[in-house]
């Protein structure tokens, strides 16, 4: 993960190649060990979201 303090980029090495996420502006480490990353535009709309966890995320119903 790299950035200038305002906008971040992250690269994840996977078995089949790389996954890159750019323009990340916000992050949160939850109490249950999940890392949530998001990128918002100037109006507050979400442009990109990425969630990392050792446990699977629950799907909404």
N, C-alpha and C. Protein backbone atom coordinates (compact mmCIF):
# COMPACT_ATOMS: atom_id res chain seq x y z
N UNK A 1 0.86 -1.17 0.00
CA UNK A 1 0.00 0.00 0.00
C UNK A 1 0.90 1.22 0.00
N UNK A 2 0.56 2.16 -0.83
CA UNK A 2 1.35 3.38 -0.92
C UNK A 2 0.41 4.58 -1.15
N UNK A 3 0.88 5.75 -0.86
CA UNK A 3 0.08 6.94 -1.08
C UNK A 3 0.74 8.17 -0.52
N UNK A 4 0.05 9.29 -0.70
CA UNK A 4 0.60 10.57 -0.26
C UNK A 4 -0.10 11.11 0.99
N UNK A 5 -0.89 10.31 1.65
CA UNK A 5 -1.62 10.76 2.83
C UNK A 5 -3.04 11.17 2.53
N UNK A 6 -3.39 11.36 1.25
CA UNK A 6 -4.75 11.72 0.86
C UNK A 6 -5.38 10.66 -0.05
N UNK A 7 -4.59 10.14 -0.98
CA UNK A 7 -5.05 9.13 -1.92
C UNK A 7 -4.06 7.97 -1.91
N UNK A 8 -4.59 6.75 -1.83
CA UNK A 8 -3.76 5.56 -1.72
C UNK A 8 -3.99 4.60 -2.88
N UNK A 9 -3.00 3.75 -3.10
CA UNK A 9 -3.10 2.65 -4.06
C UNK A 9 -2.69 1.38 -3.31
N UNK A 10 -3.26 0.26 -3.72
CA UNK A 10 -2.90 -1.01 -3.10
C UNK A 10 -2.77 -2.05 -4.21
N UNK A 11 -1.79 -2.93 -4.07
CA UNK A 11 -1.59 -4.02 -5.02
C UNK A 11 -1.53 -5.33 -4.26
N UNK A 12 -2.32 -6.29 -4.68
CA UNK A 12 -2.35 -7.61 -4.03
C UNK A 12 -1.84 -8.65 -5.02
N UNK A 13 -0.82 -9.41 -4.64
CA UNK A 13 -0.31 -10.47 -5.50
C UNK A 13 -1.15 -11.71 -5.26
N UNK A 14 -1.80 -12.18 -6.32
CA UNK A 14 -2.64 -13.36 -6.27
C UNK A 14 -2.01 -14.48 -7.08
N UNK A 15 -2.56 -15.65 -6.97
CA UNK A 15 -2.04 -16.81 -7.69
C UNK A 15 -2.00 -16.58 -9.20
N UNK A 16 -3.02 -15.90 -9.74
CA UNK A 16 -3.14 -15.71 -11.18
C UNK A 16 -2.62 -14.35 -11.67
N UNK A 17 -2.04 -13.55 -10.79
CA UNK A 17 -1.55 -12.24 -11.19
C UNK A 17 -1.72 -11.23 -10.08
N UNK A 18 -1.93 -9.98 -10.46
CA UNK A 18 -2.04 -8.88 -9.51
C UNK A 18 -3.43 -8.25 -9.57
N UNK A 19 -3.88 -7.76 -8.43
CA UNK A 19 -5.10 -6.96 -8.32
C UNK A 19 -4.69 -5.59 -7.81
N UNK A 20 -4.97 -4.55 -8.59
CA UNK A 20 -4.63 -3.18 -8.21
C UNK A 20 -5.90 -2.39 -7.94
N UNK A 21 -5.87 -1.61 -6.89
CA UNK A 21 -6.95 -0.66 -6.59
C UNK A 21 -6.31 0.70 -6.40
N UNK A 22 -6.84 1.69 -7.09
CA UNK A 22 -6.30 3.05 -7.04
C UNK A 22 -7.38 4.02 -6.57
N UNK A 23 -6.96 5.20 -6.22
CA UNK A 23 -7.85 6.29 -5.80
C UNK A 23 -8.60 5.96 -4.52
N UNK A 24 -7.96 5.24 -3.61
CA UNK A 24 -8.55 4.95 -2.31
C UNK A 24 -8.36 6.17 -1.40
N UNK A 25 -9.44 6.62 -0.79
CA UNK A 25 -9.38 7.83 0.03
C UNK A 25 -9.66 7.57 1.50
N UNK A 26 -10.29 6.43 1.82
CA UNK A 26 -10.69 6.14 3.20
C UNK A 26 -10.40 4.69 3.53
N UNK A 27 -10.13 4.43 4.81
CA UNK A 27 -9.95 3.05 5.25
C UNK A 27 -10.44 2.93 6.69
N UNK A 28 -10.78 1.69 7.06
CA UNK A 28 -11.25 1.41 8.41
C UNK A 28 -10.85 -0.01 8.77
N UNK A 29 -10.27 -0.19 9.95
CA UNK A 29 -9.99 -1.51 10.49
C UNK A 29 -11.06 -1.79 11.53
N UNK A 30 -11.91 -2.78 11.25
CA UNK A 30 -13.03 -3.07 12.15
C UNK A 30 -12.55 -3.84 13.37
N UNK A 31 -13.41 -3.93 14.36
CA UNK A 31 -13.08 -4.66 15.58
C UNK A 31 -12.91 -6.15 15.39
N UNK A 32 -13.46 -6.70 14.29
CA UNK A 32 -13.34 -8.13 14.05
C UNK A 32 -12.28 -8.45 12.99
N UNK A 33 -11.33 -7.52 12.78
CA UNK A 33 -10.18 -7.79 11.94
C UNK A 33 -10.38 -7.62 10.45
N UNK A 34 -11.42 -6.94 10.02
CA UNK A 34 -11.63 -6.69 8.60
C UNK A 34 -11.06 -5.32 8.24
N UNK A 35 -10.38 -5.26 7.10
CA UNK A 35 -9.87 -4.00 6.58
C UNK A 35 -10.78 -3.57 5.43
N UNK A 36 -11.42 -2.43 5.58
CA UNK A 36 -12.32 -1.89 4.57
C UNK A 36 -11.68 -0.66 3.96
N UNK A 37 -11.59 -0.62 2.63
CA UNK A 37 -10.99 0.50 1.91
C UNK A 37 -11.99 1.02 0.90
N UNK A 38 -12.03 2.33 0.72
CA UNK A 38 -12.96 2.90 -0.24
C UNK A 38 -12.39 4.15 -0.87
N UNK A 39 -12.89 4.44 -2.04
CA UNK A 39 -12.51 5.66 -2.75
C UNK A 39 -13.75 6.47 -3.05
N UNK A 40 -13.76 7.71 -2.61
CA UNK A 40 -14.91 8.60 -2.80
C UNK A 40 -14.51 9.78 -3.67
N UNK A 41 -15.46 10.24 -4.49
CA UNK A 41 -15.20 11.43 -5.30
C UNK A 41 -15.50 12.68 -4.47
N UNK A 42 -15.40 13.84 -5.08
CA UNK A 42 -15.58 15.10 -4.35
C UNK A 42 -17.00 15.30 -3.84
N UNK A 43 -17.98 14.60 -4.44
CA UNK A 43 -19.36 14.69 -3.97
C UNK A 43 -19.69 13.63 -2.92
N UNK A 44 -18.72 12.77 -2.58
CA UNK A 44 -18.94 11.74 -1.57
C UNK A 44 -19.45 10.42 -2.12
N UNK A 45 -19.53 10.29 -3.44
CA UNK A 45 -19.98 9.03 -4.05
C UNK A 45 -18.84 8.01 -4.04
N UNK A 46 -19.18 6.75 -3.80
CA UNK A 46 -18.18 5.68 -3.78
C UNK A 46 -17.79 5.34 -5.22
N UNK A 47 -16.49 5.38 -5.51
CA UNK A 47 -15.97 5.00 -6.82
C UNK A 47 -15.38 3.61 -6.80
N UNK A 48 -14.82 3.21 -5.65
CA UNK A 48 -14.17 1.91 -5.53
C UNK A 48 -14.26 1.45 -4.08
N UNK A 49 -14.40 0.14 -3.88
CA UNK A 49 -14.44 -0.42 -2.54
C UNK A 49 -13.69 -1.75 -2.54
N UNK A 50 -12.99 -2.01 -1.45
CA UNK A 50 -12.23 -3.25 -1.30
C UNK A 50 -12.28 -3.65 0.15
N UNK A 51 -12.61 -4.91 0.42
CA UNK A 51 -12.64 -5.42 1.77
C UNK A 51 -11.74 -6.63 1.89
N UNK A 52 -10.91 -6.66 2.92
CA UNK A 52 -9.99 -7.77 3.16
C UNK A 52 -10.26 -8.36 4.53
N UNK A 53 -10.28 -9.70 4.59
CA UNK A 53 -10.54 -10.37 5.85
C UNK A 53 -10.04 -11.81 5.77
N UNK A 54 -9.64 -12.35 6.91
CA UNK A 54 -9.29 -13.77 6.97
C UNK A 54 -10.55 -14.63 6.92
N UNK A 55 -11.69 -14.07 7.32
CA UNK A 55 -12.97 -14.77 7.31
C UNK A 55 -13.82 -14.25 6.14
N UNK A 56 -14.65 -15.11 5.54
CA UNK A 56 -15.51 -14.65 4.45
C UNK A 56 -16.49 -13.56 4.92
N UNK A 57 -16.80 -12.64 4.03
CA UNK A 57 -17.80 -11.62 4.31
C UNK A 57 -19.19 -12.24 4.14
N UNK A 58 -20.13 -11.84 4.98
CA UNK A 58 -21.50 -12.31 4.84
C UNK A 58 -22.20 -11.51 3.75
N UNK A 59 -22.93 -12.20 2.91
CA UNK A 59 -23.69 -11.54 1.85
C UNK A 59 -24.98 -10.99 2.43
N UNK A 60 -25.39 -9.81 1.97
CA UNK A 60 -26.66 -9.24 2.41
C UNK A 60 -27.83 -10.03 1.85
N UNK A 61 -28.93 -10.00 2.56
CA UNK A 61 -30.13 -10.74 2.13
C UNK A 61 -31.18 -9.80 1.66
